[in-house]
Amino acid sequence: MASLVCTFLQLYIFVLLVRVVLSWFPISPQGGMATVAGFLYMVTDPVLLPLRRFLPPVRMGAMALDLSPLVAFFGISFLMSLLCS
C-alpha cells in the first residue's frame, strides 16, 4: 500500500511540473494542447487553489510570481520522505 501511495505522489509531482512548464507558454483554446492543459488544471487545482488563498503571488514589477506550486512540491516531498523511507 505504501509503495502505491509513493508512486502516486511521484506521479503527482511530475504532473505539477508539467503544469508549471505549460504555464510559461500561451495555449490556444482549440486543439490538443488545450485538452491536456485542461486535464492538468483539473488534477492540480484541488491542491493549488487552497494554497493560493493563503499565499498571495509575489509582485515583481509588472509581473507576479505564484509560489503555490513550489509550496506544493515541498509539501509532497516532505510527505514522501515520511511515507516512502
PDB file of N, CA and C in Angstrom:
ATOM      1  N   MET A   1       0.818  -1.197   0.000  1.00  0.00           N
ATOM      2  CA  MET A   1       0.000   0.000   0.000  1.00  0.00           C
ATOM      3  C   MET A   1       0.868   1.270   0.000  1.00  0.00           C
ATOM      4  N   ALA A   2       1.936   1.250   0.791  1.00  0.00           N
ATOM      5  CA  ALA A   2       2.813   2.426   0.859  1.00  0.00           C
ATOM      6  C   ALA A   2       3.491   2.670  -0.484  1.00  0.00           C
ATOM      7  N   SER A   3       3.870   1.616  -1.183  1.00  0.00           N
ATOM      8  CA  SER A   3       4.526   1.813  -2.477  1.00  0.00           C
ATOM      9  C   SER A   3       3.557   2.402  -3.500  1.00  0.00           C
ATOM     10  N   LEU A   4       2.284   2.061  -3.398  1.00  0.00           N
ATOM     11  CA  LEU A   4       1.279   2.636  -4.298  1.00  0.00           C
ATOM     12  C   LEU A   4       1.111   4.136  -4.028  1.00  0.00           C
ATOM     13  N   VAL A   5       1.081   4.515  -2.759  1.00  0.00           N
ATOM     14  CA  VAL A   5       0.970   5.931  -2.392  1.00  0.00           C
ATOM     15  C   VAL A   5       2.216   6.690  -2.853  1.00  0.00           C
ATOM     16  N   CYS A   6       3.382   6.091  -2.672  1.00  0.00           N
ATOM     17  CA  CYS A   6       4.629   6.741  -3.102  1.00  0.00           C
ATOM     18  C   CYS A   6       4.651   6.933  -4.614  1.00  0.00           C
ATOM     19  N   THR A   7       4.201   5.947  -5.352  1.00  0.00           N
ATOM     20  CA  THR A   7       4.147   6.055  -6.807  1.00  0.00           C
ATOM     21  C   THR A   7       3.172   7.152  -7.221  1.00  0.00           C
ATOM     22  N   PHE A   8       2.021   7.215  -6.566  1.00  0.00           N
ATOM     23  CA  PHE A   8       1.044   8.257  -6.855  1.00  0.00           C
ATOM     24  C   PHE A   8       1.625   9.645  -6.576  1.00  0.00           C
ATOM     25  N   LEU A   9       2.323   9.806  -5.469  1.00  0.00           N
ATOM     26  CA  LEU A   9       2.913  11.103  -5.132  1.00  0.00           C
ATOM     27  C   LEU A   9       3.996  11.504  -6.135  1.00  0.00           C
ATOM     28  N   GLN A  10       4.799  10.547  -6.589  1.00  0.00           N
ATOM     29  CA  GLN A  10       5.811  10.843  -7.610  1.00  0.00           C
ATOM     30  C   GLN A  10       5.145  11.272  -8.913  1.00  0.00           C
ATOM     31  N   LEU A  11       4.079  10.600  -9.273  1.00  0.00           N
ATOM     32  CA  LEU A  11       3.346  10.951 -10.491  1.00  0.00           C
ATOM     33  C   LEU A  11       2.727  12.344 -10.355  1.00  0.00           C
ATOM     34  N   TYR A  12       2.216  12.661  -9.171  1.00  0.00           N
ATOM     35  CA  TYR A  12       1.604  13.966  -8.948  1.00  0.00           C
ATOM     36  C   TYR A  12       2.646  15.086  -9.034  1.00  0.00           C
ATOM     37  N   ILE A  13       3.838  14.842  -8.535  1.00  0.00           N
ATOM     38  CA  ILE A  13       4.920  15.830  -8.668  1.00  0.00           C
ATOM     39  C   ILE A  13       5.236  16.058 -10.141  1.00  0.00           C
ATOM     40  N   PHE A  14       5.265  14.992 -10.927  1.00  0.00           N
ATOM     41  CA  PHE A  14       5.512  15.120 -12.361  1.00  0.00           C
ATOM     42  C   PHE A  14       4.404  15.936 -13.027  1.00  0.00           C
ATOM     43  N   VAL A  15       3.151  15.675 -12.673  1.00  0.00           N
ATOM     44  CA  VAL A  15       2.025  16.418 -13.246  1.00  0.00           C
ATOM     45  C   VAL A  15       2.121  17.896 -12.869  1.00  0.00           C
ATOM     46  N   LEU A  16       2.476  18.198 -11.624  1.00  0.00           N
ATOM     47  CA  LEU A  16       2.670  19.594 -11.218  1.00  0.00           C
ATOM     48  C   LEU A  16       3.778  20.263 -12.030  1.00  0.00           C
ATOM     49  N   LEU A  17       4.862  19.551 -12.249  1.00  0.00           N
ATOM     50  CA  LEU A  17       5.976  20.097 -13.025  1.00  0.00           C
ATOM     51  C   LEU A  17       5.547  20.393 -14.457  1.00  0.00           C
ATOM     52  N   VAL A  18       4.796  19.489 -15.054  1.00  0.00           N
ATOM     53  CA  VAL A  18       4.318  19.719 -16.424  1.00  0.00           C
ATOM     54  C   VAL A  18       3.384  20.922 -16.462  1.00  0.00           C
ATOM     55  N   ARG A  19       2.535  21.066 -15.454  1.00  0.00           N
ATOM     56  CA  ARG A  19       1.642  22.232 -15.414  1.00  0.00           C
ATOM     57  C   ARG A  19       2.433  23.524 -15.314  1.00  0.00           C
ATOM     58  N   VAL A  20       3.464  23.548 -14.485  1.00  0.00           N
ATOM     59  CA  VAL A  20       4.280  24.758 -14.345  1.00  0.00           C
ATOM     60  C   VAL A  20       4.944  25.104 -15.670  1.00  0.00           C
ATOM     61  N   VAL A  21       5.503  24.110 -16.338  1.00  0.00           N
ATOM     62  CA  VAL A  21       6.171  24.368 -17.620  1.00  0.00           C
ATOM     63  C   VAL A  21       5.161  24.841 -18.663  1.00  0.00           C
ATOM     64  N   LEU A  22       3.980  24.222 -18.712  1.00  0.00           N
ATOM     65  CA  LEU A  22       2.969  24.647 -19.686  1.00  0.00           C
ATOM     66  C   LEU A  22       2.451  26.054 -19.400  1.00  0.00           C
ATOM     67  N   SER A  23       2.521  26.494 -18.161  1.00  0.00           N
ATOM     68  CA  SER A  23       2.037  27.834 -17.847  1.00  0.00           C
ATOM     69  C   SER A  23       2.934  28.925 -18.433  1.00  0.00           C
ATOM     70  N   TRP A  24       4.118  28.574 -18.861  1.00  0.00           N
ATOM     71  CA  TRP A  24       5.030  29.549 -19.454  1.00  0.00           C
ATOM     72  C   TRP A  24       4.704  29.839 -20.909  1.00  0.00           C
ATOM     73  N   PHE A  25       3.879  29.006 -21.534  1.00  0.00           N
ATOM     74  CA  PHE A  25       3.586  29.126 -22.958  1.00  0.00           C
ATOM     75  C   PHE A  25       2.100  29.408 -23.156  1.00  0.00           C
ATOM     76  N   PRO A  26       1.773  30.301 -24.094  1.00  0.00           N
ATOM     77  CA  PRO A  26       0.347  30.530 -24.380  1.00  0.00           C
ATOM     78  C   PRO A  26      -0.244  29.310 -25.083  1.00  0.00           C
ATOM     79  N   ILE A  27      -1.446  28.934 -24.676  1.00  0.00           N
ATOM     80  CA  ILE A  27      -2.102  27.759 -25.248  1.00  0.00           C
ATOM     81  C   ILE A  27      -3.391  28.208 -25.913  1.00  0.00           C
ATOM     82  N   SER A  28      -3.553  27.820 -27.167  1.00  0.00           N
ATOM     83  CA  SER A  28      -4.768  28.141 -27.900  1.00  0.00           C
ATOM     84  C   SER A  28      -5.944  27.380 -27.293  1.00  0.00           C
ATOM     85  N   PRO A  29      -7.122  28.006 -27.193  1.00  0.00           N
ATOM     86  CA  PRO A  29      -8.269  27.301 -26.609  1.00  0.00           C
ATOM     87  C   PRO A  29      -8.754  26.135 -27.458  1.00  0.00           C
ATOM     88  N   GLN A  30      -8.287  26.053 -28.687  1.00  0.00           N
ATOM     89  CA  GLN A  30      -8.675  24.946 -29.565  1.00  0.00           C
ATOM     90  C   GLN A  30      -7.457  24.077 -29.807  1.00  0.00           C
ATOM     91  N   GLY A  31      -7.671  22.804 -29.912  1.00  0.00           N
ATOM     92  CA  GLY A  31      -6.571  21.902 -30.217  1.00  0.00           C
ATOM     93  C   GLY A  31      -6.287  20.944 -29.082  1.00  0.00           C
ATOM     94  N   GLY A  32      -5.327  20.068 -29.340  1.00  0.00           N
ATOM     95  CA  GLY A  32      -4.993  19.014 -28.391  1.00  0.00           C
ATOM     96  C   GLY A  32      -4.338  19.507 -27.118  1.00  0.00           C
ATOM     97  N   MET A  33      -3.518  20.554 -27.216  1.00  0.00           N
ATOM     98  CA  MET A  33      -2.835  21.045 -26.015  1.00  0.00           C
ATOM     99  C   MET A  33      -3.813  21.659 -25.024  1.00  0.00           C
ATOM    100  N   ALA A  34      -4.903  22.223 -25.510  1.00  0.00           N
ATOM    101  CA  ALA A  34      -5.907  22.785 -24.605  1.00  0.00           C
ATOM    102  C   ALA A  34      -6.559  21.675 -23.795  1.00  0.00           C
ATOM    103  N   THR A  35      -6.744  20.519 -24.397  1.00  0.00           N
ATOM    104  CA  THR A  35      -7.319  19.376 -23.682  1.00  0.00           C
ATOM    105  C   THR A  35      -6.358  18.879 -22.618  1.00  0.00           C
ATOM    106  N   VAL A  36      -5.079  18.782 -22.957  1.00  0.00           N
ATOM    107  CA  VAL A  36      -4.066  18.347 -21.995  1.00  0.00           C
ATOM    108  C   VAL A  36      -3.963  19.350 -20.858  1.00  0.00           C
ATOM    109  N   ALA A  37      -3.919  20.626 -21.193  1.00  0.00           N
ATOM    110  CA  ALA A  37      -3.824  21.665 -20.166  1.00  0.00           C
ATOM    111  C   ALA A  37      -5.060  21.661 -19.274  1.00  0.00           C
ATOM    112  N   GLY A  38      -6.225  21.464 -19.850  1.00  0.00           N
ATOM    113  CA  GLY A  38      -7.454  21.392 -19.063  1.00  0.00           C
ATOM    114  C   GLY A  38      -7.429  20.239 -18.080  1.00  0.00           C
ATOM    115  N   PHE A  39      -6.913  19.091 -18.532  1.00  0.00           N
ATOM    116  CA  PHE A  39      -6.795  17.935 -17.641  1.00  0.00           C
ATOM    117  C   PHE A  39      -5.808  18.230 -16.514  1.00  0.00           C
ATOM    118  N   LEU A  40      -4.670  18.838 -16.837  1.00  0.00           N
ATOM    119  CA  LEU A  40      -3.670  19.162 -15.813  1.00  0.00           C
ATOM    120  C   LEU A  40      -4.225  20.149 -14.791  1.00  0.00           C
ATOM    121  N   TYR A  41      -4.971  21.134 -15.255  1.00  0.00           N
ATOM    122  CA  TYR A  41      -5.567  22.088 -14.332  1.00  0.00           C
ATOM    123  C   TYR A  41      -6.606  21.404 -13.447  1.00  0.00           C
ATOM    124  N   MET A  42      -7.391  20.504 -14.026  1.00  0.00           N
ATOM    125  CA  MET A  42      -8.413  19.801 -13.256  1.00  0.00           C
ATOM    126  C   MET A  42      -7.782  18.935 -12.164  1.00  0.00           C
ATOM    127  N   VAL A  43      -6.641  18.333 -12.450  1.00  0.00           N
ATOM    128  CA  VAL A  43      -5.980  17.442 -11.495  1.00  0.00           C
ATOM    129  C   VAL A  43      -5.221  18.224 -10.420  1.00  0.00           C
ATOM    130  N   THR A  44      -4.621  19.348 -10.787  1.00  0.00           N
ATOM    131  CA  THR A  44      -3.760  20.063  -9.842  1.00  0.00           C
ATOM    132  C   THR A  44      -4.459  21.192  -9.088  1.00  0.00           C
ATOM    133  N   ASP A  45      -5.576  21.688  -9.586  1.00  0.00           N
ATOM    134  CA  ASP A  45      -6.265  22.789  -8.905  1.00  0.00           C
ATOM    135  C   ASP A  45      -6.726  22.455  -7.488  1.00  0.00           C
ATOM    136  N   PRO A  46      -7.169  21.236  -7.189  1.00  0.00           N
ATOM    137  CA  PRO A  46      -7.570  20.972  -5.799  1.00  0.00           C
ATOM    138  C   PRO A  46      -6.449  21.169  -4.776  1.00  0.00           C
ATOM    139  N   VAL A  47      -5.208  21.071  -5.203  1.00  0.00           N
ATOM    140  CA  VAL A  47      -4.081  21.300  -4.293  1.00  0.00           C
ATOM    141  C   VAL A  47      -3.634  22.760  -4.344  1.00  0.00           C
ATOM    142  N   LEU A  48      -3.575  23.325  -5.539  1.00  0.00           N
ATOM    143  CA  LEU A  48      -3.003  24.667  -5.692  1.00  0.00           C
ATOM    144  C   LEU A  48      -3.953  25.794  -5.277  1.00  0.00           C
ATOM    145  N   LEU A  49      -5.236  25.654  -5.526  1.00  0.00           N
ATOM    146  CA  LEU A  49      -6.166  26.747  -5.203  1.00  0.00           C
ATOM    147  C   LEU A  49      -6.232  27.049  -3.707  1.00  0.00           C
ATOM    148  N   PRO A  50      -6.305  26.060  -2.815  1.00  0.00           N
ATOM    149  CA  PRO A  50      -6.276  26.402  -1.384  1.00  0.00           C
ATOM    150  C   PRO A  50      -4.962  27.064  -0.963  1.00  0.00           C
ATOM    151  N   LEU A  51      -3.852  26.641  -1.573  1.00  0.00           N
ATOM    152  CA  LEU A  51      -2.570  27.271  -1.246  1.00  0.00           C
ATOM    153  C   LEU A  51      -2.548  28.728  -1.689  1.00  0.00           C
ATOM    154  N   ARG A  52      -3.172  29.026  -2.817  1.00  0.00           N
ATOM    155  CA  ARG A  52      -3.199  30.404  -3.320  1.00  0.00           C
ATOM    156  C   ARG A  52      -4.019  31.326  -2.429  1.00  0.00           C
ATOM    157  N   ARG A  53      -5.008  30.764  -1.725  1.00  0.00           N
ATOM    158  CA  ARG A  53      -5.797  31.600  -0.813  1.00  0.00           C
ATOM    159  C   ARG A  53      -4.957  32.102   0.348  1.00  0.00           C
ATOM    160  N   PHE A  54      -4.008  31.275   0.795  1.00  0.00           N
ATOM    161  CA  PHE A  54      -3.170  31.643   1.933  1.00  0.00           C
ATOM    162  C   PHE A  54      -1.853  32.285   1.526  1.00  0.00           C
ATOM    163  N   LEU A  55      -1.432  32.083   0.276  1.00  0.00           N
ATOM    164  CA  LEU A  55      -0.135  32.564  -0.187  1.00  0.00           C
ATOM    165  C   LEU A  55      -0.343  33.404  -1.448  1.00  0.00           C
ATOM    166  N   PRO A  56      -0.477  34.712  -1.304  1.00  0.00           N
ATOM    167  CA  PRO A  56      -0.702  35.545  -2.492  1.00  0.00           C
ATOM    168  C   PRO A  56       0.541  35.578  -3.375  1.00  0.00           C
ATOM    169  N   PRO A  57       0.365  35.885  -4.661  1.00  0.00           N
ATOM    170  CA  PRO A  57       1.524  35.987  -5.564  1.00  0.00           C
ATOM    171  C   PRO A  57       2.484  37.081  -5.120  1.00  0.00           C
ATOM    172  N   VAL A  58       3.753  36.848  -5.340  1.00  0.00           N
ATOM    173  CA  VAL A  58       4.799  37.822  -5.010  1.00  0.00           C
ATOM    174  C   VAL A  58       4.955  38.758  -6.201  1.00  0.00           C
ATOM    175  N   ARG A  59       4.757  40.044  -5.964  1.00  0.00           N
ATOM    176  CA  ARG A  59       4.860  41.028  -7.042  1.00  0.00           C
ATOM    177  C   ARG A  59       6.330  41.274  -7.382  1.00  0.00           C
ATOM    178  N   MET A  60       6.616  41.251  -8.667  1.00  0.00           N
ATOM    179  CA  MET A  60       7.970  41.521  -9.166  1.00  0.00           C
ATOM    180  C   MET A  60       7.839  42.497 -10.332  1.00  0.00           C
ATOM    181  N   GLY A  61       7.682  43.760 -10.014  1.00  0.00           N
ATOM    182  CA  GLY A  61       7.485  44.758 -11.059  1.00  0.00           C
ATOM    183  C   GLY A  61       6.107  44.599 -11.679  1.00  0.00           C
ATOM    184  N   ALA A  62       6.079  44.375 -12.994  1.00  0.00           N
ATOM    185  CA  ALA A  62       4.813  44.257 -13.708  1.00  0.00           C
ATOM    186  C   ALA A  62       4.259  42.836 -13.691  1.00  0.00           C
ATOM    187  N   MET A  63       4.995  41.905 -13.128  1.00  0.00           N
ATOM    188  CA  MET A  63       4.504  40.522 -13.106  1.00  0.00           C
ATOM    189  C   MET A  63       4.405  40.017 -11.673  1.00  0.00           C
ATOM    190  N   ALA A  64       3.768  38.875 -11.528  1.00  0.00           N
ATOM    191  CA  ALA A  64       3.618  38.267 -10.201  1.00  0.00           C
ATOM    192  C   ALA A  64       4.095  36.820 -10.271  1.00  0.00           C
ATOM    193  N   LEU A  65       4.753  36.382  -9.224  1.00  0.00           N
ATOM    194  CA  LEU A  65       5.285  35.021  -9.149  1.00  0.00           C
ATOM    195  C   LEU A  65       4.393  34.203  -8.224  1.00  0.00           C
ATOM    196  N   ASP A  66       3.814  33.137  -8.764  1.00  0.00           N
ATOM    197  CA  ASP A  66       2.942  32.260  -7.992  1.00  0.00           C
ATOM    198  C   ASP A  66       3.815  31.224  -7.286  1.00  0.00           C
ATOM    199  N   LEU A  67       3.812  31.252  -5.968  1.00  0.00           N
ATOM    200  CA  LEU A  67       4.642  30.341  -5.185  1.00  0.00           C
ATOM    201  C   LEU A  67       3.907  29.067  -4.765  1.00  0.00           C
ATOM    202  N   SER A  68       2.628  28.946  -5.102  1.00  0.00           N
ATOM    203  CA  SER A  68       1.871  27.775  -4.664  1.00  0.00           C
ATOM    204  C   SER A  68       2.416  26.457  -5.216  1.00  0.00           C
ATOM    205  N   PRO A  69       2.879  26.373  -6.478  1.00  0.00           N
ATOM    206  CA  PRO A  69       3.460  25.096  -6.913  1.00  0.00           C
ATOM    207  C   PRO A  69       4.726  24.730  -6.137  1.00  0.00           C
ATOM    208  N   LEU A  70       5.519  25.725  -5.779  1.00  0.00           N
ATOM    209  CA  LEU A  70       6.735  25.474  -5.011  1.00  0.00           C
ATOM    210  C   LEU A  70       6.400  24.921  -3.628  1.00  0.00           C
ATOM    211  N   VAL A  71       5.407  25.511  -2.981  1.00  0.00           N
ATOM    212  CA  VAL A  71       4.975  25.017  -1.673  1.00  0.00           C
ATOM    213  C   VAL A  71       4.407  23.603  -1.801  1.00  0.00           C
ATOM    214  N   ALA A  72       3.664  23.345  -2.882  1.00  0.00           N
ATOM    215  CA  ALA A  72       3.124  22.002  -3.104  1.00  0.00           C
ATOM    216  C   ALA A  72       4.250  20.992  -3.307  1.00  0.00           C
ATOM    217  N   PHE A  73       5.279  21.360  -4.082  1.00  0.00           N
ATOM    218  CA  PHE A  73       6.432  20.471  -4.273  1.00  0.00           C
ATOM    219  C   PHE A  73       7.080  20.125  -2.932  1.00  0.00           C
ATOM    220  N   PHE A  74       7.322  21.142  -2.113  1.00  0.00           N
ATOM    221  CA  PHE A  74       7.950  20.895  -0.820  1.00  0.00           C
ATOM    222  C   PHE A  74       7.056  20.049   0.086  1.00  0.00           C
ATOM    223  N   GLY A  75       5.767  20.335   0.083  1.00  0.00           N
ATOM    224  CA  GLY A  75       4.840  19.574   0.909  1.00  0.00           C
ATOM    225  C   GLY A  75       4.762  18.109   0.499  1.00  0.00           C
ATOM    226  N   ILE A  76       4.683  17.859  -0.791  1.00  0.00           N
ATOM    227  CA  ILE A  76       4.622  16.480  -1.269  1.00  0.00           C
ATOM    228  C   ILE A  76       5.949  15.774  -1.026  1.00  0.00           C
ATOM    229  N   SER A  77       7.052  16.472  -1.220  1.00  0.00           N
ATOM    230  CA  SER A  77       8.359  15.870  -0.951  1.00  0.00           C
ATOM    231  C   SER A  77       8.502  15.505   0.519  1.00  0.00           C
ATOM    232  N   PHE A  78       8.025  16.385   1.405  1.00  0.00           N
ATOM    233  CA  PHE A  78       8.064  16.092   2.839  1.00  0.00           C
ATOM    234  C   PHE A  78       7.194  14.879   3.162  1.00  0.00           C
ATOM    235  N   LEU A  79       6.013  14.826   2.576  1.00  0.00           N
ATOM    236  CA  LEU A  79       5.124  13.681   2.785  1.00  0.00           C
ATOM    237  C   LEU A  79       5.765  12.387   2.272  1.00  0.00           C
ATOM    238  N   MET A  80       6.431  12.475   1.119  1.00  0.00           N
ATOM    239  CA  MET A  80       7.113  11.295   0.581  1.00  0.00           C
ATOM    240  C   MET A  80       8.254  10.853   1.485  1.00  0.00           C
ATOM    241  N   SER A  81       8.970  11.804   2.082  1.00  0.00           N
ATOM    242  CA  SER A  81      10.082  11.413   2.972  1.00  0.00           C
ATOM    243  C   SER A  81       9.556  10.709   4.208  1.00  0.00           C
ATOM    244  N   LEU A  82       8.341  11.068   4.654  1.00  0.00           N
ATOM    245  CA  LEU A  82       7.755  10.390   5.811  1.00  0.00           C
ATOM    246  C   LEU A  82       7.220   9.014   5.460  1.00  0.00           C
ATOM    247  N   LEU A  83       6.558   8.900   4.320  1.00  0.00           N
ATOM    248  CA  LEU A  83       5.873   7.664   3.962  1.00  0.00           C
ATOM    249  C   LEU A  83       6.736   6.662   3.202  1.00  0.00           C
ATOM    250  N   CYS A  84       7.663   7.153   2.415  1.00  0.00           N
ATOM    251  CA  CYS A  84       8.357   6.274   1.479  1.00  0.00           C
ATOM    252  C   CYS A  84       9.742   5.855   1.922  1.00  0.00           C
ATOM    253  N   SER A  85      10.164   6.210   3.102  1.00  0.00           N
ATOM    254  CA  SER A  85      11.514   5.830   3.521  1.00  0.00           C
ATOM    255  C   SER A  85      11.522   4.548   4.328  1.00  0.00           C
TER     256      SER A  85
END
